[in-house]
Amino acid sequence: MHRLGMTMLLALLAGCGAMPKHHESRGADSAQIIFDAFPKGATIYVDGSARGTIDDDDATPIAVGAGTHDVEVRTGSHVVFERQVFIEKGTERHVSP
């Protein structure tokens, strides 16, 4: 039983490296995260950096590199949305509260 548990743990850890981590690039590797239906004026954070503000439109696009990103939307110090998002190059990913 112990051996099976160790095998499963090793398989899980090996799979963790399968998703590429985020990187900031433009051009062929670029993608967009579209923020839908968030409060006007809220600040968008991607990978810990402020990247924009929710505007009057229903959808606010933010360009990112392909990979996994930590995204947050904040109104002042209140976090209204927090999620890890994986996005492939050349695609759009919509997120909403």
C-alpha atoms as a PDB file:
ATOM      1  CA  MET A   1       0.000   0.000   0.000  1.00  0.00           C
ATOM      2  CA  HIS A   2       2.828   2.394   0.868  1.00  0.00           C
ATOM      3  CA  ARG A   3       4.476   1.752  -2.492  1.00  0.00           C
ATOM      4  CA  LEU A   4       1.223   2.559  -4.336  1.00  0.00           C
ATOM      5  CA  GLY A   5       0.923   5.839  -2.425  1.00  0.00           C
ATOM      6  CA  MET A   6       4.478   6.851  -3.331  1.00  0.00           C
ATOM      7  CA  THR A   7       3.864   5.971  -6.992  1.00  0.00           C
ATOM      8  CA  MET A   8       0.733   8.129  -7.056  1.00  0.00           C
ATOM      9  CA  LEU A   9       2.560  11.010  -5.374  1.00  0.00           C
ATOM     10  CA  LEU A  10       5.401  10.865  -7.897  1.00  0.00           C
ATOM     11  CA  ALA A  11       2.920  10.761 -10.799  1.00  0.00           C
ATOM     12  CA  LEU A  12       1.108  13.786  -9.370  1.00  0.00           C
ATOM     13  CA  LEU A  13       4.328  15.747  -8.954  1.00  0.00           C
ATOM     14  CA  ALA A  14       5.456  14.873 -12.487  1.00  0.00           C
ATOM     15  CA  GLY A  15       2.130  16.150 -13.834  1.00  0.00           C
ATOM     16  CA  CYS A  16       2.543  19.493 -12.060  1.00  0.00           C
ATOM     17  CA  GLY A  17       5.253  20.461 -14.499  1.00  0.00           C
ATOM     18  CA  ALA A  18       3.030  19.745 -17.492  1.00  0.00           C
ATOM     19  CA  MET A  19       1.368  23.173 -17.491  1.00  0.00           C
ATOM     20  CA  PRO A  20       3.680  25.930 -18.675  1.00  0.00           C
ATOM     21  CA  LYS A  21       4.179  28.797 -16.271  1.00  0.00           C
ATOM     22  CA  HIS A  22       3.398  32.351 -17.265  1.00  0.00           C
ATOM     23  CA  HIS A  23       5.708  34.536 -19.245  1.00  0.00           C
ATOM     24  CA  GLU A  24       5.351  37.995 -20.658  1.00  0.00           C
ATOM     25  CA  SER A  25       5.630  37.901 -24.402  1.00  0.00           C
ATOM     26  CA  ARG A  26       3.868  39.466 -27.304  1.00  0.00           C
ATOM     27  CA  GLY A  27       3.397  38.510 -30.927  1.00  0.00           C
ATOM     28  CA  ALA A  28       2.976  34.850 -31.810  1.00  0.00           C
ATOM     29  CA  ASP A  29       2.784  33.739 -28.137  1.00  0.00           C
ATOM     30  CA  SER A  30       0.317  36.416 -27.078  1.00  0.00           C
ATOM     31  CA  ALA A  31      -3.195  35.730 -25.859  1.00  0.00           C
ATOM     32  CA  GLN A  32      -5.937  37.753 -24.172  1.00  0.00           C
ATOM     33  CA  ILE A  33      -7.832  37.387 -20.945  1.00  0.00           C
ATOM     34  CA  ILE A  34     -11.207  39.120 -21.272  1.00  0.00           C
ATOM     35  CA  PHE A  35     -12.707  40.363 -17.990  1.00  0.00           C
ATOM     36  CA  ASP A  36     -16.521  40.307 -18.224  1.00  0.00           C
ATOM     37  CA  ALA A  37     -19.118  41.934 -15.913  1.00  0.00           C
ATOM     38  CA  PHE A  38     -16.793  43.274 -13.205  1.00  0.00           C
ATOM     39  CA  PRO A  39     -17.442  46.532 -11.319  1.00  0.00           C
ATOM     40  CA  LYS A  40     -16.431  49.649 -13.275  1.00  0.00           C
ATOM     41  CA  GLY A  41     -13.176  51.107 -11.957  1.00  0.00           C
ATOM     42  CA  ALA A  42     -11.926  47.850 -10.417  1.00  0.00           C
ATOM     43  CA  THR A  43      -8.216  47.152 -10.915  1.00  0.00           C
ATOM     44  CA  ILE A  44      -7.013  44.069 -12.814  1.00  0.00           C
ATOM     45  CA  TYR A  45      -3.897  42.298 -11.515  1.00  0.00           C
ATOM     46  CA  VAL A  46      -2.071  39.657 -13.523  1.00  0.00           C
ATOM     47  CA  ASP A  47       0.738  37.745 -11.810  1.00  0.00           C
ATOM     48  CA  GLY A  48       0.834  40.324  -9.011  1.00  0.00           C
ATOM     49  CA  SER A  49       1.135  43.417 -11.229  1.00  0.00           C
ATOM     50  CA  ALA A  50      -1.608  45.974 -11.867  1.00  0.00           C
ATOM     51  CA  ARG A  51      -2.391  45.684 -15.588  1.00  0.00           C
ATOM     52  CA  GLY A  52      -5.503  47.766 -16.130  1.00  0.00           C
ATOM     53  CA  THR A  53      -8.847  49.047 -14.944  1.00  0.00           C
ATOM     54  CA  ILE A  54     -12.319  47.797 -15.748  1.00  0.00           C
ATOM     55  CA  ASP A  55     -13.796  50.358 -18.126  1.00  0.00           C
ATOM     56  CA  ASP A  56     -17.328  51.190 -19.275  1.00  0.00           C
ATOM     57  CA  ASP A  57     -17.522  48.235 -21.642  1.00  0.00           C
ATOM     58  CA  ASP A  58     -18.842  44.868 -20.540  1.00  0.00           C
ATOM     59  CA  ALA A  59     -15.549  43.222 -21.560  1.00  0.00           C
ATOM     60  CA  THR A  60     -12.050  44.498 -20.746  1.00  0.00           C
ATOM     61  CA  PRO A  61      -9.215  42.689 -22.605  1.00  0.00           C
ATOM     62  CA  ILE A  62      -5.710  42.279 -21.157  1.00  0.00           C
ATOM     63  CA  ALA A  63      -2.902  40.907 -23.355  1.00  0.00           C
ATOM     64  CA  VAL A  64      -0.784  38.178 -21.743  1.00  0.00           C
ATOM     65  CA  GLY A  65       1.731  35.576 -22.805  1.00  0.00           C
ATOM     66  CA  ALA A  66       0.605  31.984 -23.207  1.00  0.00           C
ATOM     67  CA  GLY A  67       0.711  29.892 -20.044  1.00  0.00           C
ATOM     68  CA  THR A  68      -0.673  29.958 -16.515  1.00  0.00           C
ATOM     69  CA  HIS A  69      -1.474  33.289 -14.859  1.00  0.00           C
ATOM     70  CA  ASP A  70      -2.694  34.342 -11.431  1.00  0.00           C
ATOM     71  CA  VAL A  71      -5.449  36.919 -11.980  1.00  0.00           C
ATOM     72  CA  GLU A  72      -7.229  39.144  -9.465  1.00  0.00           C
ATOM     73  CA  VAL A  73      -9.769  41.929  -9.699  1.00  0.00           C
ATOM     74  CA  ARG A  74      -9.830  44.365  -6.777  1.00  0.00           C
ATOM     75  CA  THR A  75     -11.980  47.290  -5.738  1.00  0.00           C
ATOM     76  CA  GLY A  76      -9.733  49.191  -3.373  1.00  0.00           C
ATOM     77  CA  SER A  77      -8.298  46.599  -0.992  1.00  0.00           C
ATOM     78  CA  HIS A  78     -11.204  44.163  -1.496  1.00  0.00           C
ATOM     79  CA  VAL A  79     -10.495  41.188  -3.789  1.00  0.00           C
ATOM     80  CA  VAL A  80     -13.673  40.535  -5.797  1.00  0.00           C
ATOM     81  CA  PHE A  81     -12.200  37.803  -8.011  1.00  0.00           C
ATOM     82  CA  GLU A  82      -9.159  35.542  -7.789  1.00  0.00           C
ATOM     83  CA  ARG A  83      -8.277  32.612 -10.020  1.00  0.00           C
ATOM     84  CA  GLN A  84      -5.417  30.849 -11.764  1.00  0.00           C
ATOM     85  CA  VAL A  85      -6.012  30.872 -15.529  1.00  0.00           C
ATOM     86  CA  PHE A  86      -4.320  28.775 -18.199  1.00  0.00           C
ATOM     87  CA  ILE A  87      -4.403  30.180 -21.722  1.00  0.00           C
ATOM     88  CA  GLU A  88      -2.929  28.924 -24.976  1.00  0.00           C
ATOM     89  CA  LYS A  89      -1.142  31.175 -27.455  1.00  0.00           C
ATOM     90  CA  GLY A  90      -3.342  33.024 -29.897  1.00  0.00           C
ATOM     91  CA  THR A  91      -6.531  32.467 -27.889  1.00  0.00           C
ATOM     92  CA  GLU A  92      -8.930  34.467 -25.709  1.00  0.00           C
ATOM     93  CA  ARG A  93     -10.173  33.359 -22.309  1.00  0.00           C
ATOM     94  CA  HIS A  94     -13.215  35.018 -20.731  1.00  0.00           C
ATOM     95  CA  VAL A  95     -13.452  35.292 -16.950  1.00  0.00           C
ATOM     96  CA  SER A  96     -16.309  36.675 -14.888  1.00  0.00           C
ATOM     97  CA  PRO A  97     -17.321  36.845 -11.228  1.00  0.00           C
END
